[in-house]
Protein backbone atom coordinates (compact mmCIF):
# COMPACT_ATOMS: atom_id res chain seq x y z
CA MET A 1 118.89 65.64 71.92
CA PRO A 2 118.93 67.83 68.86
CA LEU A 3 119.69 71.36 69.14
CA THR A 4 116.77 73.71 68.50
CA PRO A 5 117.65 76.72 66.45
CA GLU A 6 116.44 80.20 67.77
CA GLU A 7 116.41 83.53 65.76
CA PRO A 8 119.12 85.77 67.21
CA GLN A 9 118.58 89.57 67.85
CA ILE A 10 121.32 91.82 66.84
CA HIS A 11 122.35 94.87 69.11
CA GLU A 12 125.36 97.05 68.69
CA SER A 13 128.11 95.97 71.02
CA VAL A 14 129.48 98.58 73.38
CA PRO A 15 132.26 96.64 75.21
CA GLY A 16 134.34 97.63 78.22
CA PRO A 17 133.25 98.72 81.67
CA ARG A 18 129.96 100.09 82.63
CA THR A 19 130.73 102.12 85.68
CA ALA A 20 132.89 105.46 86.30
CA PRO A 21 136.41 104.89 87.65
CA THR A 22 136.71 104.23 91.16
CA SER A 23 136.55 107.59 93.12
CA GLY A 24 139.55 106.68 95.38
CA ARG A 25 142.00 107.20 92.45
CA SER A 26 143.98 110.20 92.02
CA ALA A 27 142.33 113.00 89.58
CA SER A 28 145.90 113.94 88.67
CA THR A 29 146.61 110.71 86.82
CA PRO A 30 143.68 109.68 85.00
CA ARG A 31 143.96 106.11 83.60
CA PRO A 32 143.01 105.37 80.00
CA VAL A 33 139.87 103.25 79.71
CA PRO A 34 140.10 100.90 76.50
CA HIS A 35 136.42 101.01 75.90
CA PRO A 36 133.48 103.55 76.42
CA PRO A 37 132.08 103.05 80.07
CA ARG A 38 128.31 102.25 80.59
CA PRO A 39 126.22 103.67 83.22
CA ALA A 40 125.96 101.31 86.10
CA ALA A 41 122.49 102.21 86.85
CA PRO A 42 119.83 99.23 86.37
CA ARG A 43 117.73 99.61 83.38
CA PRO A 44 114.05 99.29 83.68
CA GLY A 45 112.36 95.83 83.07
CA PRO A 46 110.71 95.09 79.77
CA PRO A 47 107.17 95.32 78.93
CA ARG A 48 105.03 92.21 79.81
CA ALA A 49 104.53 91.56 76.09
CA VAL A 50 108.34 90.78 75.64
CA ALA A 51 108.73 86.93 75.89
CA ALA A 52 111.08 85.36 78.34
CA VAL A 53 113.54 83.00 76.39
CA GLY A 54 115.97 80.73 78.05
CA SER A 55 114.99 81.10 81.81
CA ALA A 56 114.38 78.10 83.95
CA SER A 57 112.66 77.89 87.62
CA ALA A 58 114.17 76.20 90.34
CA ALA A 59 111.23 73.77 90.57
CA ALA A 60 111.68 72.49 86.90
CA PRO A 61 114.56 70.15 85.83
CA ARG A 62 117.18 71.62 83.36
CA GLY A 63 116.16 71.45 79.94
CA PRO A 64 117.93 70.36 76.87
CA VAL A 65 120.63 72.69 75.60
CA GLY A 66 119.07 75.50 73.16
CA THR A 67 121.30 76.81 70.55
CA ALA A 68 120.60 80.28 68.69
CA ALA A 69 120.70 80.18 64.89
CA PRO A 70 123.92 81.69 63.40
CA ALA A 71 123.63 85.38 62.64
CA ALA A 72 123.56 86.74 59.13
CA ALA A 73 126.72 87.57 57.41
CA ASN A 74 128.69 90.59 58.62
CA HIS A 75 126.81 90.53 61.83
CA PRO A 76 127.83 88.84 65.17
CA PRO A 77 125.61 86.54 66.79
CA ALA A 78 123.36 87.58 69.91
CA ALA A 79 121.73 85.76 72.44
CA ALA A 80 117.98 85.65 72.96
CA ALA A 81 117.92 86.76 76.70
CA PRO A 82 115.35 86.19 79.35
CA ALA A 83 113.16 88.90 80.49
CA ALA A 84 113.45 90.32 84.03
CA SER A 85 111.20 87.90 86.10
CA ASP A 86 110.97 86.36 89.53
CA GLN A 87 112.79 83.40 88.21
CA ARG A 88 116.06 85.16 88.93
CA ASP A 89 115.93 83.77 92.53
CA SER A 90 116.26 80.21 91.12
CA ALA A 91 118.60 77.93 92.96
CA PRO A 92 122.17 77.21 91.41
CA GLY A 93 122.02 73.97 89.42
CA ALA A 94 118.57 74.77 87.94
CA ALA A 95 120.04 77.11 85.29
CA GLN A 96 119.24 76.56 81.63
CA ILE A 97 122.12 76.32 79.21
CA GLN A 98 121.96 78.20 75.91
CA LEU A 99 124.45 78.11 73.08
CA ILE A 100 125.54 81.11 70.95
CA PRO A 101 127.37 79.84 67.89
CA ALA A 102 130.67 81.98 67.18
CA PRO A 103 134.22 80.99 66.07
CA ALA A 104 136.94 81.24 69.02
CA GLN A 105 138.02 84.53 67.81
CA GLY A 106 134.71 85.87 67.68
CA ALA A 107 133.36 84.60 71.17
CA LEU A 108 134.26 87.61 72.97
CA ASP A 109 132.37 89.83 70.61
CA ALA A 110 129.37 87.36 70.90
CA ALA A 111 129.45 87.55 74.78
CA GLU A 112 129.50 91.50 74.49
CA GLU A 113 126.31 91.38 72.27
CA THR A 114 124.76 88.86 74.65
CA VAL A 115 125.54 91.24 77.62
CA ASP A 116 123.98 94.25 75.81
CA LEU A 117 120.69 92.23 75.03
CA LEU A 118 120.54 91.21 78.81
CA LEU A 119 120.69 94.75 79.88
CA ASP A 120 118.23 95.78 77.29
CA THR A 121 115.72 93.20 78.41
CA GLY A 122 115.88 94.23 82.13
CA ARG A 123 118.76 92.44 83.80
CA ALA A 124 120.56 94.59 86.32
CA PRO A 125 124.47 94.98 85.58
CA GLY A 126 125.17 93.32 88.75
CA GLU A 127 123.39 90.29 87.98
CA ILE A 128 125.82 89.25 85.07
CA LEU A 129 129.20 87.58 85.21
CA VAL A 130 131.25 87.16 82.27
CA LEU A 131 133.95 84.46 81.97
CA THR A 132 136.61 83.90 79.46
CA THR A 133 138.21 80.72 78.46
CA GLY A 134 141.21 82.11 76.76
CA GLU A 135 142.56 85.65 76.65
CA GLN A 136 141.19 87.96 79.30
CA HIS A 137 138.38 90.40 78.37
CA PRO A 138 140.22 93.78 77.89
CA TRP A 139 138.36 95.36 80.95
CA ALA A 140 139.67 92.61 83.30
CA SER A 141 143.26 93.13 82.01
CA HIS A 142 143.14 96.93 82.44
CA GLU A 143 141.79 96.68 85.89
CA LEU A 144 144.04 94.00 87.01
CA SER A 145 147.01 96.20 85.95
CA PHE A 146 146.07 98.37 89.14
CA GLY A 147 146.24 95.48 91.40
CA GLU A 148 144.06 92.58 92.28
CA ALA A 149 142.83 94.27 95.47
CA SER A 150 141.11 97.02 93.33
CA TYR A 151 139.88 94.70 90.89
CA TRP A 152 138.13 92.24 93.25
CA ALA A 153 136.72 95.14 95.18
CA GLN A 154 134.67 95.91 91.94
CA HIS A 155 133.58 92.20 92.04
CA ASP A 156 132.56 92.17 95.79
CA ALA A 157 130.61 95.59 95.03
CA ALA A 158 128.36 93.53 92.70
CA ASP A 159 126.82 96.51 91.14
CA ASP A 160 128.18 96.10 87.38
CA VAL A 161 128.97 93.37 85.05
CA PHE A 162 132.08 91.64 86.23
CA TYR A 163 134.52 90.05 83.90
CA ALA A 164 136.90 87.30 85.02
CA ASP A 165 138.92 84.13 83.76
CA ILE A 166 136.78 80.92 84.00
CA SER A 167 139.35 79.41 86.54
CA ALA A 168 139.13 82.34 88.93
CA SER A 169 137.49 80.49 91.78
CA ARG A 170 137.03 83.74 93.75
CA ALA A 171 134.28 84.81 91.07
CA ALA A 172 131.06 84.28 93.03
CA GLY A 173 127.81 83.11 91.17
CA ARG A 174 125.18 85.41 89.73
CA PRO A 175 121.89 84.85 87.95
CA VAL A 176 123.20 84.85 84.57
CA VAL A 177 126.74 83.67 83.76
CA VAL A 178 127.96 84.33 80.03
CA VAL A 179 130.93 82.16 78.85
CA ALA A 180 133.39 83.44 76.05
CA LEU A 181 134.84 80.01 74.61
CA ASN A 182 137.82 82.09 73.14
CA GLY A 183 140.40 79.48 73.80
CA GLY A 184 141.54 77.10 76.58
CA SER A 185 142.58 73.21 76.78
CA ASP A 186 139.83 70.81 76.11
CA GLU A 187 141.20 68.83 79.05
CA THR A 188 140.53 71.48 81.56
CA LEU A 189 137.55 73.23 80.17
CA PRO A 190 134.78 70.50 81.07
CA GLU A 191 135.55 71.12 84.92
CA ALA A 192 135.50 74.87 84.26
CA LEU A 193 132.15 74.73 82.35
CA ALA A 194 130.66 72.61 85.09
CA GLY A 195 132.09 75.39 87.60
CA ALA A 196 130.44 78.21 85.61
CA LEU A 197 127.08 76.27 85.40
CA SER A 198 127.03 75.73 89.17
CA ARG A 199 127.66 79.64 89.43
CA ALA A 200 124.46 80.34 87.36
CA GLY A 201 121.29 80.88 89.08
CA VAL A 202 119.06 81.16 86.27
CA LEU A 203 120.83 80.97 82.78
CA LEU A 204 124.39 79.90 81.57
CA ILE A 205 125.10 81.12 77.98
CA VAL A 206 128.17 79.88 76.15
CA CYS A 207 129.30 81.51 73.28
CA GLY A 208 131.45 79.41 70.96
CA ASP A 209 131.67 76.60 68.56
CA PRO A 210 128.42 74.37 69.22
CA THR A 211 130.14 71.10 68.44
CA ARG A 212 132.96 71.62 70.92
CA ILE A 213 130.71 73.18 73.49
CA ASN A 214 128.44 70.09 73.41
CA SER A 215 131.57 67.73 73.48
CA LEU A 216 132.79 69.72 76.65
CA LEU A 217 129.48 69.73 78.43
CA GLY A 218 129.25 65.99 77.74
CA ALA A 219 132.40 65.43 79.21
CA SER A 220 131.53 67.57 82.20
CA ALA A 221 128.31 65.65 83.05
């Protein structure tokens, strides 16, 4: 089916971790954080007048893939995020897919803009999982440098946005999964995207080249 353009919303991206460093780390050796932290406290839900875009209920079949219109020049694309609603408890597999057009080198920035918009529209940080298909997100690389135990402990706490490689089978599902198509092999990505969709309770947002995304999703069907 043809893609239906949606007008994107642009928000300033504030990449990086959204919680304070783990309390158990030594105060005498503070570790550098590559990006400004964001408070982990959930934001209040949006007013009732805000329209919900891209959410799907468990009872309804998954609709066609929607694509946000490319952003204006000099601005990264952003997703039209769903407002907070009782649809967050939809069963896995009922998630709607939304595409955010972006080149491979801009997919990570587009994913960050998407996360900002999801938080602005009422999603709690712990409801969002960000997966990368190529180079790791800087936050994930930074935290993994302190060991996998500490890294996955933050995942298990589920109180903040978590960043992982798309092939990381330990990354559990969340209501919203954002995929940055910033690399990866076309031979392995169809299965990986199918796995990302199975982890999304309400919405799977894929940031990347729409032609490639549709091809990969078609191969995974």
